[in-house]
Amino acid sequence: MEKDVMIFVRGMQFLEDSSQDELETVCQGEYYFRNGSHFLLYDEYMEGYRQPVRNCLQIKENALTVIKKGLIDAQMYFVEGKKYLTSYQTPFGAVWIGLDTQKICLTDTAERLCLEVEYMLEANHQFVSDCRIRIEARPKDGERIRL
């Protein structure tokens, strides 16, 4: 895959009251493959703030590491069958989050990288929701394929 990519991140939360919250981010970014890992780098802008959040995603066959720097500082680990606790720093303060990953599915072709992660989210040791995240990277000039 080319270095310059379009990155599509779609997150879904399934709440206890059977409602669903969905968020999608589309941005330009960079792709690298080094030492058996895929890397995606991109800036994310939050409403009301000029300073971006720099995101670095390291993707392996059964693991995802997300490092956020800027307005939000966090290192989040998603490993199939494992639970990790981490501090999630925001402009409003820190929150302890738990990420209990049930499933990771990676599809890697010459023209597309797609990662799907299913996990349970906790905040301050309280269950928040079941979640899914789908990350897709494609060359900038390529068209997005929906699965």
N, C-alpha and C. Protein backbone atom coordinates (compact mmCIF):
# COMPACT_ATOMS: atom_id res chain seq x y z
N MET A 1 0.85 -1.18 0.00
CA MET A 1 0.00 0.00 0.00
C MET A 1 0.89 1.24 0.00
N GLU A 2 0.37 2.31 -0.52
CA GLU A 2 1.11 3.57 -0.60
C GLU A 2 1.23 4.23 0.77
N LYS A 3 2.19 5.15 0.88
CA LYS A 3 2.41 5.86 2.13
C LYS A 3 1.24 6.79 2.46
N ASP A 4 0.75 7.55 1.48
CA ASP A 4 -0.36 8.49 1.71
C ASP A 4 -1.69 7.75 1.58
N VAL A 5 -2.48 7.78 2.65
CA VAL A 5 -3.73 7.02 2.67
C VAL A 5 -4.88 7.87 3.20
N MET A 6 -6.07 7.39 2.92
CA MET A 6 -7.28 7.89 3.57
C MET A 6 -7.61 6.89 4.66
N ILE A 7 -7.93 7.40 5.83
CA ILE A 7 -8.22 6.55 6.97
C ILE A 7 -9.67 6.78 7.41
N PHE A 8 -10.40 5.69 7.54
CA PHE A 8 -11.80 5.72 7.96
C PHE A 8 -11.89 5.00 9.30
N VAL A 9 -12.32 5.69 10.33
CA VAL A 9 -12.48 5.09 11.65
C VAL A 9 -13.95 5.21 12.03
N ARG A 10 -14.57 4.07 12.27
CA ARG A 10 -15.99 4.05 12.65
C ARG A 10 -16.11 3.33 13.98
N GLY A 11 -16.61 4.04 14.97
CA GLY A 11 -16.81 3.46 16.29
C GLY A 11 -18.29 3.37 16.60
N MET A 12 -18.69 2.26 17.22
CA MET A 12 -20.08 2.06 17.61
C MET A 12 -20.12 1.60 19.06
N GLN A 13 -21.01 2.22 19.85
CA GLN A 13 -21.23 1.81 21.22
C GLN A 13 -22.65 1.30 21.34
N PHE A 14 -22.80 0.14 21.95
CA PHE A 14 -24.11 -0.46 22.19
C PHE A 14 -24.39 -0.31 23.68
N LEU A 15 -25.32 0.58 24.02
CA LEU A 15 -25.58 0.94 25.41
C LEU A 15 -26.59 0.00 26.05
N GLU A 16 -26.62 0.00 27.38
CA GLU A 16 -27.49 -0.91 28.14
C GLU A 16 -28.98 -0.71 27.84
N ASP A 17 -29.38 0.51 27.48
CA ASP A 17 -30.79 0.77 27.20
C ASP A 17 -31.16 0.40 25.75
N SER A 18 -30.32 -0.40 25.10
CA SER A 18 -30.51 -0.87 23.72
C SER A 18 -30.32 0.21 22.68
N SER A 19 -29.89 1.40 23.09
CA SER A 19 -29.59 2.44 22.10
C SER A 19 -28.17 2.23 21.58
N GLN A 20 -27.87 2.95 20.52
CA GLN A 20 -26.58 2.80 19.85
C GLN A 20 -26.03 4.17 19.54
N ASP A 21 -24.75 4.36 19.77
CA ASP A 21 -24.08 5.62 19.45
C ASP A 21 -23.00 5.31 18.43
N GLU A 22 -22.94 6.11 17.38
CA GLU A 22 -22.00 5.84 16.29
C GLU A 22 -21.24 7.12 15.94
N LEU A 23 -19.96 6.96 15.67
CA LEU A 23 -19.10 8.09 15.31
C LEU A 23 -18.18 7.64 14.19
N GLU A 24 -18.04 8.48 13.17
CA GLU A 24 -17.13 8.14 12.07
C GLU A 24 -16.20 9.31 11.80
N THR A 25 -14.93 9.01 11.65
CA THR A 25 -13.90 9.99 11.33
C THR A 25 -13.26 9.58 10.01
N VAL A 26 -13.09 10.55 9.11
CA VAL A 26 -12.42 10.32 7.84
C VAL A 26 -11.31 11.36 7.74
N CYS A 27 -10.09 10.92 7.49
CA CYS A 27 -8.99 11.87 7.41
C CYS A 27 -7.85 11.31 6.55
N GLN A 28 -6.96 12.20 6.18
CA GLN A 28 -5.75 11.78 5.47
C GLN A 28 -4.72 11.38 6.50
N GLY A 29 -3.89 10.42 6.12
CA GLY A 29 -2.86 9.98 7.05
C GLY A 29 -1.72 9.31 6.31
N GLU A 30 -0.87 8.67 7.09
CA GLU A 30 0.30 7.98 6.54
C GLU A 30 0.28 6.53 6.98
N TYR A 31 0.77 5.66 6.10
CA TYR A 31 0.85 4.23 6.36
C TYR A 31 2.29 3.78 6.26
N TYR A 32 2.70 2.92 7.20
CA TYR A 32 4.02 2.30 7.17
C TYR A 32 3.89 0.85 7.59
N PHE A 33 4.78 0.00 7.08
CA PHE A 33 4.88 -1.38 7.55
C PHE A 33 6.31 -1.60 7.98
N ARG A 34 6.51 -1.90 9.27
CA ARG A 34 7.85 -2.11 9.81
C ARG A 34 7.83 -3.22 10.85
N ASN A 35 8.82 -4.10 10.78
CA ASN A 35 9.02 -5.16 11.78
C ASN A 35 7.74 -5.96 12.07
N GLY A 36 7.00 -6.28 11.03
CA GLY A 36 5.80 -7.10 11.19
C GLY A 36 4.57 -6.37 11.66
N SER A 37 4.63 -5.02 11.77
CA SER A 37 3.49 -4.23 12.22
C SER A 37 3.10 -3.20 11.17
N HIS A 38 1.78 -2.96 11.07
CA HIS A 38 1.26 -1.87 10.25
C HIS A 38 1.15 -0.66 11.15
N PHE A 39 1.48 0.52 10.63
CA PHE A 39 1.35 1.76 11.38
C PHE A 39 0.50 2.74 10.59
N LEU A 40 -0.45 3.37 11.26
CA LEU A 40 -1.25 4.45 10.68
C LEU A 40 -1.06 5.68 11.56
N LEU A 41 -0.72 6.81 10.92
CA LEU A 41 -0.53 8.08 11.63
C LEU A 41 -1.50 9.10 11.06
N TYR A 42 -2.22 9.79 11.95
CA TYR A 42 -3.14 10.83 11.47
C TYR A 42 -3.47 11.80 12.59
N ASP A 43 -3.90 13.00 12.20
CA ASP A 43 -4.33 14.02 13.15
C ASP A 43 -5.85 14.04 13.21
N GLU A 44 -6.35 14.22 14.42
CA GLU A 44 -7.79 14.27 14.65
C GLU A 44 -8.09 15.62 15.32
N TYR A 45 -9.08 16.32 14.81
CA TYR A 45 -9.44 17.62 15.35
C TYR A 45 -10.74 17.52 16.13
N MET A 46 -10.73 18.07 17.34
CA MET A 46 -11.92 18.06 18.19
C MET A 46 -12.64 19.38 18.03
N GLU A 47 -13.96 19.31 18.05
CA GLU A 47 -14.77 20.50 17.90
C GLU A 47 -14.46 21.51 19.00
N GLY A 48 -14.23 22.77 18.59
CA GLY A 48 -13.95 23.83 19.55
C GLY A 48 -12.48 24.00 19.90
N TYR A 49 -11.60 23.17 19.34
CA TYR A 49 -10.17 23.25 19.63
C TYR A 49 -9.37 23.32 18.33
N ARG A 50 -8.31 24.11 18.34
CA ARG A 50 -7.44 24.21 17.16
C ARG A 50 -6.33 23.17 17.16
N GLN A 51 -5.89 22.80 18.35
CA GLN A 51 -4.79 21.85 18.48
C GLN A 51 -5.28 20.44 18.14
N PRO A 52 -4.58 19.74 17.24
CA PRO A 52 -5.02 18.38 16.89
C PRO A 52 -4.57 17.36 17.93
N VAL A 53 -5.21 16.22 17.87
CA VAL A 53 -4.76 15.04 18.62
C VAL A 53 -4.02 14.18 17.61
N ARG A 54 -2.75 13.89 17.86
CA ARG A 54 -1.94 13.07 16.97
C ARG A 54 -2.17 11.60 17.35
N ASN A 55 -2.56 10.80 16.37
CA ASN A 55 -2.85 9.39 16.60
C ASN A 55 -1.81 8.52 15.90
N CYS A 56 -1.33 7.52 16.61
CA CYS A 56 -0.45 6.50 16.04
C CYS A 56 -1.08 5.16 16.36
N LEU A 57 -1.42 4.41 15.33
CA LEU A 57 -2.01 3.08 15.50
C LEU A 57 -1.00 2.05 15.05
N GLN A 58 -0.69 1.10 15.91
CA GLN A 58 0.17 -0.03 15.56
C GLN A 58 -0.73 -1.25 15.52
N ILE A 59 -0.75 -1.90 14.35
CA ILE A 59 -1.67 -3.01 14.12
C ILE A 59 -0.87 -4.27 13.83
N LYS A 60 -1.20 -5.33 14.58
CA LYS A 60 -0.65 -6.66 14.34
C LYS A 60 -1.82 -7.61 14.12
N GLU A 61 -1.53 -8.87 13.87
CA GLU A 61 -2.56 -9.85 13.57
C GLU A 61 -3.65 -9.92 14.64
N ASN A 62 -3.27 -9.89 15.92
CA ASN A 62 -4.28 -10.02 16.98
C ASN A 62 -4.17 -8.92 18.03
N ALA A 63 -3.64 -7.75 17.63
CA ALA A 63 -3.46 -6.68 18.61
C ALA A 63 -3.48 -5.31 17.93
N LEU A 64 -3.98 -4.33 18.68
CA LEU A 64 -3.99 -2.94 18.25
C LEU A 64 -3.51 -2.09 19.42
N THR A 65 -2.56 -1.20 19.15
CA THR A 65 -2.12 -0.21 20.12
C THR A 65 -2.46 1.15 19.56
N VAL A 66 -3.15 1.98 20.36
CA VAL A 66 -3.51 3.34 19.95
C VAL A 66 -2.82 4.30 20.90
N ILE A 67 -2.01 5.19 20.33
CA ILE A 67 -1.33 6.21 21.12
C ILE A 67 -1.87 7.56 20.67
N LYS A 68 -2.42 8.32 21.62
CA LYS A 68 -2.96 9.65 21.35
C LYS A 68 -2.11 10.67 22.09
N LYS A 69 -1.76 11.75 21.41
CA LYS A 69 -0.95 12.82 22.01
C LYS A 69 -1.56 14.16 21.63
N GLY A 70 -1.61 15.07 22.58
CA GLY A 70 -2.16 16.40 22.33
C GLY A 70 -3.22 16.71 23.37
N LEU A 71 -4.40 17.19 22.92
CA LEU A 71 -5.50 17.47 23.85
C LEU A 71 -5.91 16.23 24.62
N ILE A 72 -5.76 15.09 23.98
CA ILE A 72 -6.02 13.81 24.64
C ILE A 72 -4.71 13.04 24.65
N ASP A 73 -4.35 12.52 25.81
CA ASP A 73 -3.15 11.69 25.95
C ASP A 73 -3.59 10.33 26.47
N ALA A 74 -3.27 9.30 25.71
CA ALA A 74 -3.63 7.95 26.13
C ALA A 74 -2.83 6.93 25.36
N GLN A 75 -2.62 5.79 25.98
CA GLN A 75 -2.08 4.61 25.32
C GLN A 75 -3.06 3.49 25.60
N MET A 76 -3.71 3.04 24.53
CA MET A 76 -4.75 2.02 24.68
C MET A 76 -4.30 0.75 23.98
N TYR A 77 -4.51 -0.38 24.65
CA TYR A 77 -4.09 -1.68 24.14
C TYR A 77 -5.31 -2.58 23.96
N PHE A 78 -5.44 -3.11 22.77
CA PHE A 78 -6.50 -4.06 22.45
C PHE A 78 -5.82 -5.35 22.02
N VAL A 79 -5.93 -6.38 22.84
CA VAL A 79 -5.35 -7.69 22.55
C VAL A 79 -6.45 -8.71 22.77
N GLU A 80 -6.71 -9.51 21.75
CA GLU A 80 -7.81 -10.47 21.82
C GLU A 80 -7.68 -11.35 23.06
N GLY A 81 -8.78 -11.39 23.84
CA GLY A 81 -8.81 -12.22 25.04
C GLY A 81 -8.19 -11.60 26.28
N LYS A 82 -7.81 -10.31 26.22
CA LYS A 82 -7.17 -9.66 27.36
C LYS A 82 -7.88 -8.37 27.71
N LYS A 83 -7.70 -7.95 28.98
CA LYS A 83 -8.26 -6.69 29.46
C LYS A 83 -7.12 -5.79 29.92
N TYR A 84 -7.17 -4.52 29.53
CA TYR A 84 -6.16 -3.55 29.93
C TYR A 84 -6.83 -2.33 30.53
N LEU A 85 -6.23 -1.78 31.59
CA LEU A 85 -6.66 -0.53 32.19
C LEU A 85 -5.65 0.54 31.83
N THR A 86 -6.15 1.75 31.54
CA THR A 86 -5.25 2.84 31.18
C THR A 86 -5.88 4.17 31.57
N SER A 87 -5.04 5.18 31.70
CA SER A 87 -5.51 6.53 31.98
C SER A 87 -5.77 7.25 30.67
N TYR A 88 -6.93 7.89 30.57
CA TYR A 88 -7.33 8.62 29.37
C TYR A 88 -7.43 10.09 29.77
N GLN A 89 -6.41 10.88 29.41
CA GLN A 89 -6.32 12.28 29.80
C GLN A 89 -7.06 13.15 28.79
N THR A 90 -7.99 13.98 29.28
CA THR A 90 -8.75 14.89 28.42
C THR A 90 -8.54 16.32 28.94
N PRO A 91 -8.99 17.33 28.18
CA PRO A 91 -8.88 18.71 28.69
C PRO A 91 -9.68 18.92 29.98
N PHE A 92 -10.60 18.00 30.30
CA PHE A 92 -11.45 18.14 31.48
C PHE A 92 -10.99 17.27 32.65
N GLY A 93 -9.90 16.52 32.46
CA GLY A 93 -9.39 15.66 33.51
C GLY A 93 -9.16 14.24 33.01
N ALA A 94 -8.72 13.39 33.92
CA ALA A 94 -8.38 12.01 33.57
C ALA A 94 -9.51 11.06 33.94
N VAL A 95 -9.63 10.01 33.14
CA VAL A 95 -10.59 8.94 33.38
C VAL A 95 -9.84 7.62 33.25
N TRP A 96 -10.07 6.70 34.18
CA TRP A 96 -9.50 5.36 34.03
C TRP A 96 -10.46 4.55 33.17
N ILE A 97 -9.93 3.99 32.08
CA ILE A 97 -10.78 3.17 31.22
C ILE A 97 -10.24 1.75 31.17
N GLY A 98 -11.18 0.82 31.06
CA GLY A 98 -10.85 -0.59 30.89
C GLY A 98 -11.27 -1.02 29.51
N LEU A 99 -10.42 -1.76 28.83
CA LEU A 99 -10.67 -2.26 27.48
C LEU A 99 -10.53 -3.77 27.50
N ASP A 100 -11.66 -4.47 27.43
CA ASP A 100 -11.69 -5.92 27.48
C ASP A 100 -12.02 -6.42 26.06
N THR A 101 -10.99 -6.85 25.34
CA THR A 101 -11.13 -7.16 23.91
C THR A 101 -11.57 -8.60 23.71
N GLN A 102 -12.67 -8.76 22.98
CA GLN A 102 -13.18 -10.09 22.67
C GLN A 102 -12.68 -10.61 21.32
N LYS A 103 -12.62 -9.73 20.32
CA LYS A 103 -12.32 -10.20 18.97
C LYS A 103 -11.56 -9.13 18.18
N ILE A 104 -10.58 -9.59 17.40
CA ILE A 104 -9.85 -8.73 16.47
C ILE A 104 -9.78 -9.47 15.14
N CYS A 105 -10.10 -8.76 14.07
CA CYS A 105 -10.06 -9.35 12.73
C CYS A 105 -9.33 -8.39 11.80
N LEU A 106 -8.22 -8.82 11.22
CA LEU A 106 -7.41 -8.01 10.32
C LEU A 106 -7.49 -8.56 8.91
N THR A 107 -7.79 -7.66 7.96
CA THR A 107 -7.75 -7.99 6.53
C THR A 107 -6.71 -7.09 5.90
N ASP A 108 -5.73 -7.68 5.27
CA ASP A 108 -4.58 -6.94 4.72
C ASP A 108 -4.39 -7.34 3.26
N THR A 109 -4.61 -6.39 2.34
CA THR A 109 -4.34 -6.63 0.93
C THR A 109 -3.45 -5.50 0.43
N ALA A 110 -3.04 -5.58 -0.82
CA ALA A 110 -2.18 -4.55 -1.39
C ALA A 110 -2.89 -3.20 -1.47
N GLU A 111 -4.21 -3.20 -1.55
CA GLU A 111 -4.97 -1.97 -1.73
C GLU A 111 -5.81 -1.56 -0.53
N ARG A 112 -5.78 -2.35 0.55
CA ARG A 112 -6.65 -2.02 1.68
C ARG A 112 -6.17 -2.71 2.94
N LEU A 113 -6.26 -1.99 4.02
CA LEU A 113 -6.01 -2.54 5.35
C LEU A 113 -7.29 -2.30 6.15
N CYS A 114 -7.84 -3.34 6.73
CA CYS A 114 -9.08 -3.21 7.49
C CYS A 114 -8.95 -3.98 8.81
N LEU A 115 -9.24 -3.32 9.89
CA LEU A 115 -9.18 -3.93 11.21
C LEU A 115 -10.53 -3.72 11.90
N GLU A 116 -11.07 -4.80 12.47
CA GLU A 116 -12.30 -4.72 13.24
C GLU A 116 -12.02 -5.25 14.64
N VAL A 117 -12.46 -4.49 15.64
CA VAL A 117 -12.22 -4.85 17.03
C VAL A 117 -13.54 -4.78 17.79
N GLU A 118 -13.83 -5.83 18.57
CA GLU A 118 -14.99 -5.85 19.46
C GLU A 118 -14.46 -5.90 20.89
N TYR A 119 -15.00 -4.99 21.74
CA TYR A 119 -14.51 -4.92 23.11
C TYR A 119 -15.57 -4.35 24.05
N MET A 120 -15.37 -4.57 25.35
CA MET A 120 -16.21 -3.96 26.38
C MET A 120 -15.44 -2.78 26.95
N LEU A 121 -16.15 -1.66 27.13
CA LEU A 121 -15.55 -0.43 27.65
C LEU A 121 -16.03 -0.19 29.07
N GLU A 122 -15.08 0.10 29.96
CA GLU A 122 -15.37 0.52 31.33
C GLU A 122 -14.79 1.91 31.54
N ALA A 123 -15.44 2.70 32.39
CA ALA A 123 -14.90 3.99 32.82
C ALA A 123 -14.93 4.01 34.34
N ASN A 124 -13.78 4.27 34.94
CA ASN A 124 -13.65 4.27 36.40
C ASN A 124 -14.25 2.99 37.02
N HIS A 125 -13.92 1.85 36.41
CA HIS A 125 -14.29 0.51 36.87
C HIS A 125 -15.78 0.22 36.79
N GLN A 126 -16.50 0.98 35.98
CA GLN A 126 -17.94 0.75 35.76
C GLN A 126 -18.16 0.43 34.28
N PHE A 127 -18.95 -0.61 34.00
CA PHE A 127 -19.27 -0.96 32.62
C PHE A 127 -19.98 0.22 31.95
N VAL A 128 -19.52 0.56 30.73
CA VAL A 128 -20.14 1.64 29.95
C VAL A 128 -20.93 1.05 28.79
N SER A 129 -20.25 0.23 27.96
CA SER A 129 -20.93 -0.31 26.79
C SER A 129 -20.09 -1.38 26.11
N ASP A 130 -20.77 -2.15 25.27
CA ASP A 130 -20.08 -3.01 24.32
C ASP A 130 -19.76 -2.14 23.12
N CYS A 131 -18.59 -2.32 22.54
CA CYS A 131 -18.15 -1.43 21.46
C CYS A 131 -17.58 -2.22 20.29
N ARG A 132 -17.64 -1.59 19.15
CA ARG A 132 -16.96 -2.08 17.95
C ARG A 132 -16.27 -0.90 17.30
N ILE A 133 -15.08 -1.17 16.80
CA ILE A 133 -14.37 -0.16 16.04
C ILE A 133 -13.89 -0.80 14.75
N ARG A 134 -14.02 -0.06 13.67
CA ARG A 134 -13.57 -0.52 12.36
C ARG A 134 -12.64 0.55 11.81
N ILE A 135 -11.44 0.14 11.47
CA ILE A 135 -10.43 1.06 10.93
C ILE A 135 -10.07 0.56 9.53
N GLU A 136 -10.18 1.44 8.57
CA GLU A 136 -9.87 1.06 7.19
C GLU A 136 -8.93 2.11 6.60
N ALA A 137 -7.89 1.66 5.93
CA ALA A 137 -6.95 2.55 5.24
C ALA A 137 -6.86 2.12 3.78
N ARG A 138 -6.93 3.13 2.91
CA ARG A 138 -6.86 2.90 1.46
C ARG A 138 -5.99 3.99 0.85
N PRO A 139 -5.35 3.70 -0.28
CA PRO A 139 -4.59 4.75 -0.96
C PRO A 139 -5.46 5.98 -1.20
N LYS A 140 -4.87 7.16 -1.12
CA LYS A 140 -5.63 8.41 -1.25
C LYS A 140 -6.48 8.46 -2.51
N ASP A 141 -6.00 7.92 -3.61
CA ASP A 141 -6.73 8.01 -4.86
C ASP A 141 -7.68 6.82 -5.07
N GLY A 142 -7.70 5.87 -4.14
CA GLY A 142 -8.57 4.71 -4.26
C GLY A 142 -9.96 5.00 -3.72
N GLU A 143 -10.90 4.16 -4.10
CA GLU A 143 -12.26 4.30 -3.60
C GLU A 143 -12.47 3.38 -2.42
N ARG A 144 -13.31 3.80 -1.51
CA ARG A 144 -13.60 3.02 -0.32
C ARG A 144 -14.55 1.87 -0.67
N ILE A 145 -14.23 0.72 -0.13
CA ILE A 145 -15.10 -0.44 -0.30
C ILE A 145 -15.75 -0.72 1.04
N ARG A 146 -17.06 -0.81 1.06
CA ARG A 146 -17.77 -1.15 2.29
C ARG A 146 -17.98 -2.66 2.33
N LEU A 147 -17.72 -3.24 3.47
CA LEU A 147 -17.94 -4.68 3.65
C LEU A 147 -19.22 -4.92 4.40
